[in-house]
Amino acid sequence: MTTEITGEAASAGVSARVHPGGALAGLSLTGPALDLGAVRLASTIVEVVAEATARANRRTQHALREALTGLDERDLNALGLDRDESRTEQVESTTPQTWRTA
């Protein structure tokens, strides 16, 4: 059984799905997104991908901690799963309770 961990986020007609570390798995733009103009569209895409990445990274951190006891933040950062403090609360609200360590 293979389980894929991804993170998803959406805003202003832009939705993204990414793998842990931020590798883009999917990007969708709707009409409202295309009406934003180039600069706002670009910044919205960057923001949505960053939020999705934070979600994927946090979910991976929880899964790794459960599977590999003894990992600390430094170990997770070395794996490219750094914690974006500004998004932690929002991400935690989307993390399944069974993956939480505290």
C-alpha atoms as a PDB file:
ATOM      1  CA  MET A   1       0.000   0.000   0.000  1.00  0.00           C
ATOM      2  CA  THR A   2       1.437   3.354  -1.067  1.00  0.00           C
ATOM      3  CA  THR A   3       0.341   6.501   0.684  1.00  0.00           C
ATOM      4  CA  GLU A   4       1.086   9.806  -0.969  1.00  0.00           C
ATOM      5  CA  ILE A   5       1.309  12.894   1.198  1.00  0.00           C
ATOM      6  CA  THR A   6       0.464  16.148  -0.523  1.00  0.00           C
ATOM      7  CA  GLY A   7      -0.658  19.600   0.482  1.00  0.00           C
ATOM      8  CA  GLU A   8      -3.358  21.636  -1.200  1.00  0.00           C
ATOM      9  CA  ALA A   9      -4.306  25.293  -1.063  1.00  0.00           C
ATOM     10  CA  ALA A  10      -6.474  27.680  -3.048  1.00  0.00           C
ATOM     11  CA  SER A  11      -7.123  31.397  -3.307  1.00  0.00           C
ATOM     12  CA  ALA A  12      -8.594  33.803  -5.856  1.00  0.00           C
ATOM     13  CA  GLY A  13      -9.157  31.133  -8.499  1.00  0.00           C
ATOM     14  CA  VAL A  14      -5.722  29.555  -8.092  1.00  0.00           C
ATOM     15  CA  SER A  15      -5.375  26.070  -6.605  1.00  0.00           C
ATOM     16  CA  ALA A  16      -2.215  24.043  -6.146  1.00  0.00           C
ATOM     17  CA  ARG A  17      -1.275  20.570  -4.990  1.00  0.00           C
ATOM     18  CA  VAL A  18       2.340  19.922  -4.004  1.00  0.00           C
ATOM     19  CA  HIS A  19       4.498  17.134  -2.663  1.00  0.00           C
ATOM     20  CA  PRO A  20       6.562  17.615   0.511  1.00  0.00           C
ATOM     21  CA  GLY A  21       9.359  20.076  -0.136  1.00  0.00           C
ATOM     22  CA  GLY A  22       7.242  22.002  -2.621  1.00  0.00           C
ATOM     23  CA  ALA A  23       7.433  19.955  -5.834  1.00  0.00           C
ATOM     24  CA  LEU A  24       4.375  20.979  -7.802  1.00  0.00           C
ATOM     25  CA  ALA A  25       1.924  18.126  -8.461  1.00  0.00           C
ATOM     26  CA  GLY A  26      -0.862  20.237  -9.930  1.00  0.00           C
ATOM     27  CA  LEU A  27      -1.854  23.827 -10.598  1.00  0.00           C
ATOM     28  CA  SER A  28      -5.268  25.057 -11.660  1.00  0.00           C
ATOM     29  CA  LEU A  29      -6.310  28.528 -12.740  1.00  0.00           C
ATOM     30  CA  THR A  30      -9.914  29.598 -13.237  1.00  0.00           C
ATOM     31  CA  GLY A  31     -11.329  32.657 -14.969  1.00  0.00           C
ATOM     32  CA  PRO A  32     -11.152  34.900 -11.875  1.00  0.00           C
ATOM     33  CA  ALA A  33      -7.442  34.088 -11.514  1.00  0.00           C
ATOM     34  CA  LEU A  34      -6.780  35.130 -15.081  1.00  0.00           C
ATOM     35  CA  ASP A  35      -8.476  38.471 -14.417  1.00  0.00           C
ATOM     36  CA  LEU A  36      -5.972  39.325 -11.649  1.00  0.00           C
ATOM     37  CA  GLY A  37      -3.326  40.629 -14.011  1.00  0.00           C
ATOM     38  CA  ALA A  38       0.178  39.259 -14.373  1.00  0.00           C
ATOM     39  CA  VAL A  39       1.727  40.641 -11.181  1.00  0.00           C
ATOM     40  CA  ARG A  40      -1.150  39.695  -8.846  1.00  0.00           C
ATOM     41  CA  LEU A  41      -1.541  36.313 -10.522  1.00  0.00           C
ATOM     42  CA  ALA A  42       2.149  35.544 -10.047  1.00  0.00           C
ATOM     43  CA  SER A  43       2.105  36.573  -6.378  1.00  0.00           C
ATOM     44  CA  THR A  44      -1.098  34.587  -5.778  1.00  0.00           C
ATOM     45  CA  ILE A  45       0.453  31.482  -7.331  1.00  0.00           C
ATOM     46  CA  VAL A  46       3.563  31.867  -5.168  1.00  0.00           C
ATOM     47  CA  GLU A  47       1.420  32.339  -2.033  1.00  0.00           C
ATOM     48  CA  VAL A  48      -0.847  29.372  -2.781  1.00  0.00           C
ATOM     49  CA  VAL A  49       2.114  27.101  -3.509  1.00  0.00           C
ATOM     50  CA  ALA A  50       3.835  28.236  -0.292  1.00  0.00           C
ATOM     51  CA  GLU A  51       0.703  27.458   1.733  1.00  0.00           C
ATOM     52  CA  ALA A  52       0.303  24.053   0.082  1.00  0.00           C
ATOM     53  CA  THR A  53       3.992  23.319   0.711  1.00  0.00           C
ATOM     54  CA  ALA A  54       3.632  24.197   4.384  1.00  0.00           C
ATOM     55  CA  ARG A  55       0.707  21.771   4.636  1.00  0.00           C
ATOM     56  CA  ALA A  56       2.557  18.956   2.861  1.00  0.00           C
ATOM     57  CA  ASN A  57       5.692  19.509   4.945  1.00  0.00           C
ATOM     58  CA  ARG A  58       3.787  19.519   8.216  1.00  0.00           C
ATOM     59  CA  ARG A  59       1.875  16.369   7.327  1.00  0.00           C
ATOM     60  CA  THR A  60       5.156  14.688   6.425  1.00  0.00           C
ATOM     61  CA  GLN A  61       6.729  15.813   9.695  1.00  0.00           C
ATOM     62  CA  HIS A  62       3.887  14.215  11.642  1.00  0.00           C
ATOM     63  CA  ALA A  63       4.102  11.002   9.611  1.00  0.00           C
ATOM     64  CA  LEU A  64       7.882  10.766  10.025  1.00  0.00           C
ATOM     65  CA  ARG A  65       7.749  11.420  13.751  1.00  0.00           C
ATOM     66  CA  GLU A  66       5.233   8.619  14.081  1.00  0.00           C
ATOM     67  CA  ALA A  67       7.322   6.216  11.998  1.00  0.00           C
ATOM     68  CA  LEU A  68      10.810   7.274  13.089  1.00  0.00           C
ATOM     69  CA  THR A  69      10.986   8.164  16.763  1.00  0.00           C
ATOM     70  CA  GLY A  70      13.716  10.544  17.828  1.00  0.00           C
ATOM     71  CA  LEU A  71      13.574  13.036  14.946  1.00  0.00           C
ATOM     72  CA  ASP A  72      13.826  16.661  15.971  1.00  0.00           C
ATOM     73  CA  GLU A  73      13.278  19.924  14.063  1.00  0.00           C
ATOM     74  CA  ARG A  74      16.931  19.982  12.908  1.00  0.00           C
ATOM     75  CA  ASP A  75      16.553  16.522  11.346  1.00  0.00           C
ATOM     76  CA  LEU A  76      13.347  17.535   9.591  1.00  0.00           C
ATOM     77  CA  ASN A  77      14.938  20.749   8.317  1.00  0.00           C
ATOM     78  CA  ALA A  78      17.833  18.702   6.897  1.00  0.00           C
ATOM     79  CA  LEU A  79      15.237  16.687   4.961  1.00  0.00           C
ATOM     80  CA  GLY A  80      13.854  19.906   3.442  1.00  0.00           C
ATOM     81  CA  LEU A  81      10.784  19.893   5.660  1.00  0.00           C
ATOM     82  CA  ASP A  82      11.351  23.222   7.362  1.00  0.00           C
ATOM     83  CA  ARG A  83       8.557  24.697   9.402  1.00  0.00           C
ATOM     84  CA  ASP A  84       6.998  27.944   8.214  1.00  0.00           C
ATOM     85  CA  GLU A  85       5.961  29.431  11.555  1.00  0.00           C
ATOM     86  CA  SER A  86       3.540  31.896   9.967  1.00  0.00           C
ATOM     87  CA  ARG A  87       1.502  29.011   8.541  1.00  0.00           C
ATOM     88  CA  THR A  88       1.784  26.453  11.343  1.00  0.00           C
ATOM     89  CA  GLU A  89      -1.549  27.175  13.039  1.00  0.00           C
ATOM     90  CA  GLN A  90      -3.501  27.030   9.794  1.00  0.00           C
ATOM     91  CA  VAL A  91      -1.712  23.883   8.681  1.00  0.00           C
ATOM     92  CA  GLU A  92      -2.240  22.166  12.016  1.00  0.00           C
ATOM     93  CA  SER A  93      -5.979  22.649  11.640  1.00  0.00           C
ATOM     94  CA  THR A  94      -5.890  20.521   8.452  1.00  0.00           C
ATOM     95  CA  THR A  95      -3.646  17.772   9.851  1.00  0.00           C
ATOM     96  CA  PRO A  96      -5.481  14.580  10.799  1.00  0.00           C
ATOM     97  CA  GLN A  97      -5.680  14.091  14.559  1.00  0.00           C
ATOM     98  CA  THR A  98      -4.128  10.630  14.249  1.00  0.00           C
ATOM     99  CA  TRP A  99      -0.881  12.178  12.940  1.00  0.00           C
ATOM    100  CA  ARG A 100      -0.490  14.645  15.781  1.00  0.00           C
ATOM    101  CA  THR A 101       2.159  14.011  18.392  1.00  0.00           C
ATOM    102  CA  ALA A 102       0.977  16.514  20.968  1.00  0.00           C
END
